[in-house]
Amino acid sequence: MRPTPDADNGTQYIPVTYYFDGRAGYDIQYLSKDEIIADVLREYGRYICSISGNRNAMVFVDKKSL
């Protein structure tokens, strides 16, 4: 069982976003549930737009086959 954050065990969780490509994320701890959902959908929309253009072709590689 994973520990829950509390003052007794000194564990602290900080909700932040991160990007797979190494860009810095941002703090989301003060966003409401609806704001987090909207943020996820906005970032997903940006991702879809970036891969849908002809200039931004993406290549997917199965690392197991290398």
PDB file of N, CA and C in Angstrom:
ATOM      1  N   MET A   1       0.835  -1.178   0.000  1.00  0.00           N
ATOM      2  CA  MET A   1       0.000   0.000   0.000  1.00  0.00           C
ATOM      3  C   MET A   1       0.885   1.248   0.000  1.00  0.00           C
ATOM      4  N   ARG A   2       0.539   2.211  -0.839  1.00  0.00           N
ATOM      5  CA  ARG A   2       1.330   3.431  -0.941  1.00  0.00           C
ATOM      6  C   ARG A   2       0.997   4.373   0.213  1.00  0.00           C
ATOM      7  N   PRO A   3       2.005   5.097   0.704  1.00  0.00           N
ATOM      8  CA  PRO A   3       1.734   6.023   1.801  1.00  0.00           C
ATOM      9  C   PRO A   3       0.926   7.224   1.318  1.00  0.00           C
ATOM     10  N   THR A   4       0.095   7.733   2.202  1.00  0.00           N
ATOM     11  CA  THR A   4      -0.652   8.945   1.890  1.00  0.00           C
ATOM     12  C   THR A   4       0.108  10.136   2.469  1.00  0.00           C
ATOM     13  N   PRO A   5      -0.014  11.308   1.856  1.00  0.00           N
ATOM     14  CA  PRO A   5       0.721  12.461   2.383  1.00  0.00           C
ATOM     15  C   PRO A   5       0.147  12.916   3.721  1.00  0.00           C
ATOM     16  N   ASP A   6       0.999  13.029   4.704  1.00  0.00           N
ATOM     17  CA  ASP A   6       0.591  13.580   5.988  1.00  0.00           C
ATOM     18  C   ASP A   6       1.820  14.092   6.725  1.00  0.00           C
ATOM     19  N   ALA A   7       1.578  14.841   7.775  1.00  0.00           N
ATOM     20  CA  ALA A   7       2.678  15.448   8.522  1.00  0.00           C
ATOM     21  C   ALA A   7       3.486  14.423   9.301  1.00  0.00           C
ATOM     22  N   ASP A   8       2.889  13.272   9.634  1.00  0.00           N
ATOM     23  CA  ASP A   8       3.584  12.287  10.463  1.00  0.00           C
ATOM     24  C   ASP A   8       4.726  11.595   9.740  1.00  0.00           C
ATOM     25  N   ASN A   9       4.545  11.268   8.449  1.00  0.00           N
ATOM     26  CA  ASN A   9       5.606  10.528   7.773  1.00  0.00           C
ATOM     27  C   ASN A   9       6.477  11.418   6.886  1.00  0.00           C
ATOM     28  N   GLY A  10       6.166  12.705   6.781  1.00  0.00           N
ATOM     29  CA  GLY A  10       7.008  13.640   6.041  1.00  0.00           C
ATOM     30  C   GLY A  10       6.939  13.505   4.533  1.00  0.00           C
ATOM     31  N   THR A  11       6.013  12.713   4.024  1.00  0.00           N
ATOM     32  CA  THR A  11       5.878  12.540   2.581  1.00  0.00           C
ATOM     33  C   THR A  11       5.109  13.708   1.999  1.00  0.00           C
ATOM     34  N   GLN A  12       5.626  14.242   0.897  1.00  0.00           N
ATOM     35  CA  GLN A  12       4.954  15.358   0.250  1.00  0.00           C
ATOM     36  C   GLN A  12       4.814  15.050  -1.235  1.00  0.00           C
ATOM     37  N   TYR A  13       3.625  15.269  -1.762  1.00  0.00           N
ATOM     38  CA  TYR A  13       3.355  15.077  -3.177  1.00  0.00           C
ATOM     39  C   TYR A  13       3.086  16.444  -3.800  1.00  0.00           C
ATOM     40  N   ILE A  14       3.747  16.731  -4.912  1.00  0.00           N
ATOM     41  CA  ILE A  14       3.549  18.002  -5.596  1.00  0.00           C
ATOM     42  C   ILE A  14       3.075  17.696  -7.011  1.00  0.00           C
ATOM     43  N   PRO A  15       1.815  18.031  -7.328  1.00  0.00           N
ATOM     44  CA  PRO A  15       1.291  17.735  -8.661  1.00  0.00           C
ATOM     45  C   PRO A  15       1.837  18.716  -9.697  1.00  0.00           C
ATOM     46  N   VAL A  16       2.615  18.199 -10.614  1.00  0.00           N
ATOM     47  CA  VAL A  16       3.163  19.005 -11.705  1.00  0.00           C
ATOM     48  C   VAL A  16       2.993  18.246 -13.005  1.00  0.00           C
ATOM     49  N   THR A  17       2.973  18.979 -14.084  1.00  0.00           N
ATOM     50  CA  THR A  17       2.931  18.343 -15.394  1.00  0.00           C
ATOM     51  C   THR A  17       4.354  18.134 -15.868  1.00  0.00           C
ATOM     52  N   TYR A  18       4.515  17.263 -16.832  1.00  0.00           N
ATOM     53  CA  TYR A  18       5.818  17.068 -17.455  1.00  0.00           C
ATOM     54  C   TYR A  18       5.589  16.647 -18.884  1.00  0.00           C
ATOM     55  N   TYR A  19       6.612  16.818 -19.683  1.00  0.00           N
ATOM     56  CA  TYR A  19       6.535  16.470 -21.088  1.00  0.00           C
ATOM     57  C   TYR A  19       7.578  15.405 -21.394  1.00  0.00           C
ATOM     58  N   PHE A  20       7.206  14.462 -22.212  1.00  0.00           N
ATOM     59  CA  PHE A  20       8.097  13.363 -22.575  1.00  0.00           C
ATOM     60  C   PHE A  20       9.352  13.860 -23.292  1.00  0.00           C
ATOM     61  N   ASP A  21       9.235  14.968 -24.028  1.00  0.00           N
ATOM     62  CA  ASP A  21      10.370  15.465 -24.804  1.00  0.00           C
ATOM     63  C   ASP A  21      11.335  16.317 -23.989  1.00  0.00           C
ATOM     64  N   GLY A  22      11.128  16.424 -22.685  1.00  0.00           N
ATOM     65  CA  GLY A  22      12.082  17.108 -21.827  1.00  0.00           C
ATOM     66  C   GLY A  22      11.739  18.550 -21.496  1.00  0.00           C
ATOM     67  N   ARG A  23      10.688  19.102 -22.102  1.00  0.00           N
ATOM     68  CA  ARG A  23      10.300  20.472 -21.755  1.00  0.00           C
ATOM     69  C   ARG A  23       9.835  20.521 -20.304  1.00  0.00           C
ATOM     70  N   ALA A  24      10.019  21.671 -19.695  1.00  0.00           N
ATOM     71  CA  ALA A  24       9.606  21.844 -18.300  1.00  0.00           C
ATOM     72  C   ALA A  24       8.080  21.847 -18.203  1.00  0.00           C
ATOM     73  N   GLY A  25       7.570  21.216 -17.185  1.00  0.00           N
ATOM     74  CA  GLY A  25       6.137  21.214 -16.930  1.00  0.00           C
ATOM     75  C   GLY A  25       5.756  22.398 -16.066  1.00  0.00           C
ATOM     76  N   TYR A  26       4.601  22.338 -15.448  1.00  0.00           N
ATOM     77  CA  TYR A  26       4.142  23.434 -14.609  1.00  0.00           C
ATOM     78  C   TYR A  26       3.306  22.891 -13.463  1.00  0.00           C
ATOM     79  N   ASP A  27       3.207  23.688 -12.426  1.00  0.00           N
ATOM     80  CA  ASP A  27       2.509  23.328 -11.195  1.00  0.00           C
ATOM     81  C   ASP A  27       0.997  23.399 -11.416  1.00  0.00           C
ATOM     82  N   ILE A  28       0.286  22.351 -11.061  1.00  0.00           N
ATOM     83  CA  ILE A  28      -1.173  22.338 -11.218  1.00  0.00           C
ATOM     84  C   ILE A  28      -1.901  22.160  -9.885  1.00  0.00           C
ATOM     85  N   GLN A  29      -1.201  22.331  -8.773  1.00  0.00           N
ATOM     86  CA  GLN A  29      -1.812  22.022  -7.484  1.00  0.00           C
ATOM     87  C   GLN A  29      -2.976  22.933  -7.102  1.00  0.00           C
ATOM     88  N   TYR A  30      -3.057  24.107  -7.678  1.00  0.00           N
ATOM     89  CA  TYR A  30      -4.152  25.014  -7.327  1.00  0.00           C
ATOM     90  C   TYR A  30      -5.268  25.031  -8.364  1.00  0.00           C
ATOM     91  N   LEU A  31      -5.201  24.139  -9.352  1.00  0.00           N
ATOM     92  CA  LEU A  31      -6.260  24.058 -10.348  1.00  0.00           C
ATOM     93  C   LEU A  31      -7.401  23.195  -9.823  1.00  0.00           C
ATOM     94  N   SER A  32      -8.599  23.534 -10.223  1.00  0.00           N
ATOM     95  CA  SER A  32      -9.757  22.709  -9.848  1.00  0.00           C
ATOM     96  C   SER A  32      -9.803  21.479 -10.758  1.00  0.00           C
ATOM     97  N   LYS A  33     -10.656  20.551 -10.427  1.00  0.00           N
ATOM     98  CA  LYS A  33     -10.823  19.340 -11.235  1.00  0.00           C
ATOM     99  C   LYS A  33     -11.177  19.694 -12.677  1.00  0.00           C
ATOM    100  N   ASP A  34     -12.115  20.628 -12.847  1.00  0.00           N
ATOM    101  CA  ASP A  34     -12.521  21.027 -14.198  1.00  0.00           C
ATOM    102  C   ASP A  34     -11.397  21.718 -14.956  1.00  0.00           C
ATOM    103  N   GLU A  35     -10.593  22.508 -14.256  1.00  0.00           N
ATOM    104  CA  GLU A  35      -9.460  23.179 -14.904  1.00  0.00           C
ATOM    105  C   GLU A  35      -8.400  22.180 -15.341  1.00  0.00           C
ATOM    106  N   ILE A  36      -8.181  21.137 -14.545  1.00  0.00           N
ATOM    107  CA  ILE A  36      -7.208  20.100 -14.922  1.00  0.00           C
ATOM    108  C   ILE A  36      -7.707  19.345 -16.149  1.00  0.00           C
ATOM    109  N   ILE A  37      -8.984  19.011 -16.169  1.00  0.00           N
ATOM    110  CA  ILE A  37      -9.557  18.328 -17.335  1.00  0.00           C
ATOM    111  C   ILE A  37      -9.420  19.201 -18.580  1.00  0.00           C
ATOM    112  N   ALA A  38      -9.729  20.489 -18.456  1.00  0.00           N
ATOM    113  CA  ALA A  38      -9.607  21.413 -19.587  1.00  0.00           C
ATOM    114  C   ALA A  38      -8.159  21.520 -20.047  1.00  0.00           C
ATOM    115  N   ASP A  39      -7.224  21.525 -19.115  1.00  0.00           N
ATOM    116  CA  ASP A  39      -5.802  21.602 -19.451  1.00  0.00           C
ATOM    117  C   ASP A  39      -5.349  20.365 -20.218  1.00  0.00           C
ATOM    118  N   VAL A  40      -5.780  19.200 -19.765  1.00  0.00           N
ATOM    119  CA  VAL A  40      -5.428  17.946 -20.450  1.00  0.00           C
ATOM    120  C   VAL A  40      -5.992  17.943 -21.860  1.00  0.00           C
ATOM    121  N   LEU A  41      -7.242  18.348 -22.006  1.00  0.00           N
ATOM    122  CA  LEU A  41      -7.857  18.380 -23.333  1.00  0.00           C
ATOM    123  C   LEU A  41      -7.174  19.400 -24.250  1.00  0.00           C
ATOM    124  N   ARG A  42      -6.785  20.545 -23.701  1.00  0.00           N
ATOM    125  CA  ARG A  42      -6.085  21.552 -24.495  1.00  0.00           C
ATOM    126  C   ARG A  42      -4.727  21.021 -24.978  1.00  0.00           C
ATOM    127  N   GLU A  43      -3.978  20.392 -24.086  1.00  0.00           N
ATOM    128  CA  GLU A  43      -2.676  19.839 -24.469  1.00  0.00           C
ATOM    129  C   GLU A  43      -2.837  18.707 -25.487  1.00  0.00           C
ATOM    130  N   TYR A  44      -3.860  17.886 -25.323  1.00  0.00           N
ATOM    131  CA  TYR A  44      -4.125  16.815 -26.282  1.00  0.00           C
ATOM    132  C   TYR A  44      -4.473  17.408 -27.649  1.00  0.00           C
ATOM    133  N   GLY A  45      -5.267  18.466 -27.663  1.00  0.00           N
ATOM    134  CA  GLY A  45      -5.601  19.140 -28.910  1.00  0.00           C
ATOM    135  C   GLY A  45      -4.368  19.689 -29.601  1.00  0.00           C
ATOM    136  N   ARG A  46      -3.461  20.265 -28.829  1.00  0.00           N
ATOM    137  CA  ARG A  46      -2.195  20.757 -29.396  1.00  0.00           C
ATOM    138  C   ARG A  46      -1.386  19.610 -29.991  1.00  0.00           C
ATOM    139  N   TYR A  47      -1.358  18.499 -29.289  1.00  0.00           N
ATOM    140  CA  TYR A  47      -0.629  17.330 -29.777  1.00  0.00           C
ATOM    141  C   TYR A  47      -1.222  16.840 -31.098  1.00  0.00           C
ATOM    142  N   ILE A  48      -2.537  16.712 -31.166  1.00  0.00           N
ATOM    143  CA  ILE A  48      -3.199  16.246 -32.383  1.00  0.00           C
ATOM    144  C   ILE A  48      -2.911  17.204 -33.541  1.00  0.00           C
ATOM    145  N   CYS A  49      -2.977  18.509 -33.287  1.00  0.00           N
ATOM    146  CA  CYS A  49      -2.668  19.482 -34.341  1.00  0.00           C
ATOM    147  C   CYS A  49      -1.226  19.359 -34.805  1.00  0.00           C
ATOM    148  N   SER A  50      -0.312  19.109 -33.877  1.00  0.00           N
ATOM    149  CA  SER A  50       1.096  19.037 -34.255  1.00  0.00           C
ATOM    150  C   SER A  50       1.415  17.804 -35.090  1.00  0.00           C
ATOM    151  N   ILE A  51       0.704  16.707 -34.885  1.00  0.00           N
ATOM    152  CA  ILE A  51       1.012  15.507 -35.660  1.00  0.00           C
ATOM    153  C   ILE A  51       0.166  15.383 -36.919  1.00  0.00           C
ATOM    154  N   SER A  52      -0.860  16.226 -37.057  1.00  0.00           N
ATOM    155  CA  SER A  52      -1.743  16.083 -38.202  1.00  0.00           C
ATOM    156  C   SER A  52      -1.248  16.818 -39.443  1.00  0.00           C
ATOM    157  N   GLY A  53      -0.330  17.741 -39.289  1.00  0.00           N
ATOM    158  CA  GLY A  53       0.175  18.487 -40.434  1.00  0.00           C
ATOM    159  C   GLY A  53       1.214  17.690 -41.219  1.00  0.00           C
ATOM    160  N   ASN A  54       1.328  17.961 -42.487  1.00  0.00           N
ATOM    161  CA  ASN A  54       2.318  17.275 -43.327  1.00  0.00           C
ATOM    162  C   ASN A  54       3.748  17.632 -42.937  1.00  0.00           C
ATOM    163  N   ARG A  55       3.945  18.827 -42.387  1.00  0.00           N
ATOM    164  CA  ARG A  55       5.293  19.245 -42.010  1.00  0.00           C
ATOM    165  C   ARG A  55       5.807  18.509 -40.782  1.00  0.00           C
ATOM    166  N   ASN A  56       4.926  17.936 -40.008  1.00  0.00           N
ATOM    167  CA  ASN A  56       5.305  17.337 -38.734  1.00  0.00           C
ATOM    168  C   ASN A  56       5.088  15.831 -38.721  1.00  0.00           C
ATOM    169  N   ALA A  57       5.579  15.154 -39.703  1.00  0.00           N
ATOM    170  CA  ALA A  57       5.416  13.700 -39.747  1.00  0.00           C
ATOM    171  C   ALA A  57       6.157  13.074 -38.573  1.00  0.00           C
ATOM    172  N   MET A  58       5.525  12.095 -37.964  1.00  0.00           N
ATOM    173  CA  MET A  58       6.139  11.410 -36.831  1.00  0.00           C
ATOM    174  C   MET A  58       6.466   9.976 -37.224  1.00  0.00           C
ATOM    175  N   VAL A  59       7.540   9.477 -36.668  1.00  0.00           N
ATOM    176  CA  VAL A  59       7.958   8.107 -36.929  1.00  0.00           C
ATOM    177  C   VAL A  59       7.887   7.359 -35.604  1.00  0.00           C
ATOM    178  N   PHE A  60       7.211   6.239 -35.624  1.00  0.00           N
ATOM    179  CA  PHE A  60       7.109   5.410 -34.434  1.00  0.00           C
ATOM    180  C   PHE A  60       7.976   4.172 -34.639  1.00  0.00           C
ATOM    181  N   VAL A  61       8.802   3.857 -33.650  1.00  0.00           N
ATOM    182  CA  VAL A  61       9.726   2.742 -33.741  1.00  0.00           C
ATOM    183  C   VAL A  61       9.461   1.791 -32.588  1.00  0.00           C
ATOM    184  N   ASP A  62       9.378   0.521 -32.901  1.00  0.00           N
ATOM    185  CA  ASP A  62       9.255  -0.493 -31.870  1.00  0.00           C
ATOM    186  C   ASP A  62      10.654  -0.836 -31.390  1.00  0.00           C
ATOM    187  N   LYS A  63      11.008  -0.428 -30.186  1.00  0.00           N
ATOM    188  CA  LYS A  63      12.357  -0.617 -29.660  1.00  0.00           C
ATOM    189  C   LYS A  63      12.706  -2.096 -29.490  1.00  0.00           C
ATOM    190  N   LYS A  64      11.700  -2.928 -29.366  1.00  0.00           N
ATOM    191  CA  LYS A  64      11.946  -4.355 -29.199  1.00  0.00           C
ATOM    192  C   LYS A  64      12.546  -4.968 -30.462  1.00  0.00           C
ATOM    193  N   SER A  65      12.236  -4.373 -31.616  1.00  0.00           N
ATOM    194  CA  SER A  65      12.717  -4.931 -32.876  1.00  0.00           C
ATOM    195  C   SER A  65      14.111  -4.436 -33.247  1.00  0.00           C
ATOM    196  N   LEU A  66      14.670  -3.514 -32.479  1.00  0.00           N
ATOM    197  CA  LEU A  66      16.012  -2.982 -32.793  1.00  0.00           C
ATOM    198  C   LEU A  66      17.095  -3.870 -32.287  1.00  0.00           C
TER     199      LEU A  66
END
